[in-house]
């Protein structure tokens, strides 16, 4: 169904997804700061983290 978004925006009543930059600004960066991560966090960070996890578990 076209309204079934994984990250549906409650402000748009689930009819549109959150935009990636909006997720990063509103949720991910504040969570990183709260967790004591003082470095810049972005989507590229997740890419590297995921790659590191795959390699550590022999999946690459």
Protein backbone atom coordinates (compact mmCIF):
# COMPACT_ATOMS: atom_id res chain seq x y z
CA UNK A 1 0.00 0.00 0.00
CA UNK A 2 1.45 3.37 -0.92
CA UNK A 3 0.71 4.88 2.52
CA UNK A 4 2.67 2.16 4.38
CA UNK A 5 5.90 3.93 5.18
CA UNK A 6 8.53 2.48 7.53
CA UNK A 7 9.12 5.95 8.99
CA UNK A 8 5.72 7.55 8.48
CA UNK A 9 5.34 11.17 9.48
CA UNK A 10 2.65 11.61 12.15
CA UNK A 11 2.35 15.26 11.10
CA UNK A 12 1.27 14.05 7.65
CA UNK A 13 -1.00 11.35 9.14
CA UNK A 14 1.17 8.59 7.69
CA UNK A 15 0.64 9.75 4.10
CA UNK A 16 4.28 10.73 3.63
CA UNK A 17 7.55 9.47 5.11
CA UNK A 18 9.89 11.49 7.27
CA UNK A 19 12.53 13.10 5.09
CA UNK A 20 16.05 11.76 5.79
CA UNK A 21 17.48 15.17 6.73
CA UNK A 22 14.56 15.75 9.07
CA UNK A 23 15.15 12.39 10.83
CA UNK A 24 18.82 13.20 11.20
CA UNK A 25 18.23 16.70 12.61
CA UNK A 26 15.30 15.96 14.92
CA UNK A 27 16.07 12.49 16.24
CA UNK A 28 19.46 11.00 15.41
CA UNK A 29 21.74 13.94 16.22
CA UNK A 30 20.00 14.71 19.55
CA UNK A 31 20.16 11.01 20.49
CA UNK A 32 23.88 10.89 19.64
CA UNK A 33 24.49 14.00 21.74
CA UNK A 34 22.54 12.50 24.65
CA UNK A 35 24.63 9.32 24.33
CA UNK A 36 27.79 11.41 24.67
CA UNK A 37 28.84 11.20 21.02
CA UNK A 38 30.36 14.59 20.31
CA UNK A 39 31.48 13.93 16.74
CA UNK A 40 29.49 14.81 13.65
CA UNK A 41 26.94 12.06 12.94
CA UNK A 42 25.45 11.63 9.49
CA UNK A 43 24.24 8.98 7.09
CA UNK A 44 27.81 8.17 6.08
CA UNK A 45 28.48 7.31 9.73
CA UNK A 46 25.76 4.65 9.59
CA UNK A 47 27.21 3.23 6.38
CA UNK A 48 30.61 2.76 8.01
CA UNK A 49 29.12 1.41 11.25
CA UNK A 50 27.09 -1.17 9.35
CA UNK A 51 30.12 -2.20 7.28
CA UNK A 52 32.19 -2.59 10.44
CA UNK A 53 29.50 -4.79 12.04
CA UNK A 54 29.30 -6.96 8.91
CA UNK A 55 33.07 -7.40 8.80
CA UNK A 56 33.31 -8.17 12.53
CA UNK A 57 30.74 -10.93 12.05
CA UNK A 58 32.41 -12.43 8.97
CA UNK A 59 29.68 -11.31 6.57
CA UNK A 60 31.87 -9.55 3.99
